[in-house]
């Protein structure tokens, strides 16, 4: 069993793609697209006079609030260009918390797994782990551009 599989099994339901599939894609979502390169893994949240922005490489993305910026930052770290965002904005802070917790637990498990190895091995394993996460999220997909709105109501039909 390789290190990626060990980390995935250790995290179980807290594995980032599983959290994404269960907590985000299972509800009404809209797709979101970040125009970034997969290798740009150092996103920053900036508090500017115009509001909150997510900076990835040389590009900046305006965010309506801090929780949305935190949510987008996790996907930018993984190099995901397209993913789903909950349509109900009240669900974003909880999802951002779960994603960030999962991300940091994953990095802690990776550090434990590579103790005593050279730094280059740590870098290779980290990039391999991020690639696996990105590929699994891409398989799950971003969903529709806009969620489907049901036109029928709960009123009785005549």
Protein backbone atom coordinates (compact mmCIF):
# COMPACT_ATOMS: atom_id res chain seq x y z
CA UNK A 1 0.00 0.00 0.00
CA UNK A 2 1.49 3.35 -0.97
CA UNK A 3 1.45 6.52 1.10
CA UNK A 4 -1.46 8.10 -0.80
CA UNK A 5 -3.65 5.06 -0.13
CA UNK A 6 -2.59 5.04 3.52
CA UNK A 7 -3.56 8.69 3.93
CA UNK A 8 -6.86 8.13 2.11
CA UNK A 9 -7.75 5.19 4.36
CA UNK A 10 -6.65 7.07 7.49
CA UNK A 11 -8.85 10.05 6.64
CA UNK A 12 -11.79 7.81 5.59
CA UNK A 13 -14.86 10.07 5.39
CA UNK A 14 -12.71 13.18 5.88
CA UNK A 15 -10.84 12.55 2.57
CA UNK A 16 -11.31 15.79 0.59
CA UNK A 17 -12.99 14.29 -2.52
CA UNK A 18 -15.40 12.30 -0.32
CA UNK A 19 -16.33 15.43 1.64
CA UNK A 20 -16.83 17.24 -1.69
CA UNK A 21 -19.06 14.48 -3.08
CA UNK A 22 -21.10 13.97 0.10
CA UNK A 23 -21.45 17.49 1.45
CA UNK A 24 -21.37 19.70 -1.65
CA UNK A 25 -22.35 17.77 -4.77
CA UNK A 26 -25.26 16.08 -2.97
CA UNK A 27 -27.05 19.44 -2.69
CA UNK A 28 -27.99 22.20 -5.11
CA UNK A 29 -24.83 23.74 -6.51
CA UNK A 30 -23.55 25.94 -9.26
CA UNK A 31 -20.29 25.41 -11.06
CA UNK A 32 -17.39 27.75 -10.49
CA UNK A 33 -14.33 28.17 -12.66
CA UNK A 34 -10.92 29.48 -11.61
CA UNK A 35 -8.58 30.51 -14.40
CA UNK A 36 -5.44 29.10 -12.79
CA UNK A 37 -2.65 26.72 -13.68
CA UNK A 38 -2.63 23.37 -11.82
CA UNK A 39 0.86 24.05 -10.44
CA UNK A 40 -0.07 27.30 -8.67
CA UNK A 41 -0.60 25.95 -5.15
CA UNK A 42 -0.03 29.05 -3.03
CA UNK A 43 -3.27 31.01 -2.94
CA UNK A 44 -3.61 33.90 -0.51
CA UNK A 45 -6.63 35.68 0.90
CA UNK A 46 -6.25 39.44 0.66
CA UNK A 47 -8.25 42.00 2.59
CA UNK A 48 -8.32 45.09 0.35
CA UNK A 49 -10.19 48.36 0.41
CA UNK A 50 -12.57 46.91 -2.16
CA UNK A 51 -13.29 43.76 -0.15
CA UNK A 52 -11.90 40.26 0.05
CA UNK A 53 -9.94 38.73 -2.81
CA UNK A 54 -8.30 35.39 -3.47
CA UNK A 55 -4.90 35.78 -5.12
CA UNK A 56 -3.53 32.80 -7.02
CA UNK A 57 -0.31 33.50 -8.88
CA UNK A 58 -0.79 36.84 -10.62
CA UNK A 59 -4.58 36.61 -10.75
CA UNK A 60 -7.09 37.94 -8.26
CA UNK A 61 -10.65 36.73 -7.75
CA UNK A 62 -13.17 38.90 -5.93
CA UNK A 63 -15.06 37.10 -3.16
CA UNK A 64 -18.27 38.24 -1.48
CA UNK A 65 -17.10 37.16 1.98
CA UNK A 66 -14.30 35.46 3.89
CA UNK A 67 -15.93 32.03 4.00
CA UNK A 68 -16.25 31.97 0.19
CA UNK A 69 -12.59 32.94 -0.12
CA UNK A 70 -11.63 30.11 2.27
CA UNK A 71 -13.79 27.70 0.26
CA UNK A 72 -12.18 28.70 -3.05
CA UNK A 73 -8.68 28.61 -1.55
CA UNK A 74 -8.90 24.88 -0.84
CA UNK A 75 -9.66 24.14 -4.48
CA UNK A 76 -6.97 26.55 -5.65
CA UNK A 77 -4.44 24.74 -3.43
CA UNK A 78 -5.36 21.48 -5.12
CA UNK A 79 -5.12 23.10 -8.56
CA UNK A 80 -8.77 22.47 -9.42
CA UNK A 81 -9.99 24.72 -12.20
CA UNK A 82 -13.68 23.76 -12.11
CA UNK A 83 -15.71 22.70 -9.10
CA UNK A 84 -19.10 23.18 -7.47
CA UNK A 85 -20.10 25.84 -4.96
CA UNK A 86 -23.23 25.43 -2.81
CA UNK A 87 -26.06 27.55 -4.17
CA UNK A 88 -27.26 28.23 -0.63
CA UNK A 89 -24.64 30.65 0.70
CA UNK A 90 -25.36 29.66 4.30
CA UNK A 91 -23.79 26.23 3.56
CA UNK A 92 -20.45 27.65 2.40
CA UNK A 93 -18.88 28.38 5.84
CA UNK A 94 -19.45 24.83 7.12
CA UNK A 95 -18.10 23.35 3.89
CA UNK A 96 -15.04 25.62 4.03
CA UNK A 97 -14.38 24.49 7.62
CA UNK A 98 -14.59 20.82 6.65
CA UNK A 99 -12.39 21.28 3.60
CA UNK A 100 -9.70 23.16 5.52
CA UNK A 101 -9.76 20.61 8.34
CA UNK A 102 -9.41 17.78 5.85
CA UNK A 103 -6.59 19.59 4.02
CA UNK A 104 -4.56 20.20 7.18
CA UNK A 105 -5.13 16.67 8.55
CA UNK A 106 -3.92 15.33 5.21
CA UNK A 107 -0.72 17.39 5.43
CA UNK A 108 -0.10 16.25 9.02
CA UNK A 109 -0.51 12.60 8.00
CA UNK A 110 1.86 13.18 5.09
CA UNK A 111 4.49 14.66 7.41
CA UNK A 112 4.22 11.64 9.70
CA UNK A 113 4.49 9.25 6.75
CA UNK A 114 7.67 10.82 5.37
CA UNK A 115 9.63 11.30 8.60
CA UNK A 116 13.28 10.49 8.05
CA UNK A 117 13.08 10.85 4.28
CA UNK A 118 14.76 13.62 2.29
CA UNK A 119 12.91 16.86 1.57
CA UNK A 120 12.71 16.00 -2.13
CA UNK A 121 10.70 12.88 -1.27
CA UNK A 122 8.30 15.03 0.75
CA UNK A 123 7.80 17.35 -2.24
CA UNK A 124 7.21 14.48 -4.66
CA UNK A 125 4.74 12.75 -2.36
CA UNK A 126 2.89 16.01 -1.64
CA UNK A 127 2.51 16.80 -5.35
CA UNK A 128 1.41 13.23 -6.03
CA UNK A 129 -1.19 13.46 -3.25
CA UNK A 130 -2.49 16.78 -4.59
CA UNK A 131 -2.67 15.33 -8.12
CA UNK A 132 -4.76 12.39 -6.87
CA UNK A 133 -7.13 14.76 -5.04
CA UNK A 134 -7.45 16.98 -8.13
CA UNK A 135 -8.18 14.01 -10.39
CA UNK A 136 -10.84 12.63 -8.02
CA UNK A 137 -12.55 16.03 -7.76
CA UNK A 138 -12.47 16.35 -11.56
CA UNK A 139 -14.16 12.93 -11.84
CA UNK A 140 -16.94 14.06 -9.50
CA UNK A 141 -17.30 17.17 -11.65
CA UNK A 142 -18.51 20.73 -11.15
CA UNK A 143 -22.14 20.11 -12.02
CA UNK A 144 -24.37 22.50 -13.92
CA UNK A 145 -23.50 26.14 -14.50
CA UNK A 146 -26.74 27.14 -12.76
CA UNK A 147 -28.92 24.87 -10.60
CA UNK A 148 -32.22 23.62 -11.88
CA UNK A 149 -35.21 25.53 -10.59
CA UNK A 150 -38.38 23.50 -10.21
CA UNK A 151 -41.38 25.41 -11.44
CA UNK A 152 -43.97 23.28 -9.69
CA UNK A 153 -45.03 24.39 -6.24
CA UNK A 154 -46.34 22.61 -3.20
CA UNK A 155 -49.85 23.91 -3.91
CA UNK A 156 -52.44 21.43 -4.92
CA UNK A 157 -52.81 20.89 -8.62
CA UNK A 158 -56.31 21.34 -10.06
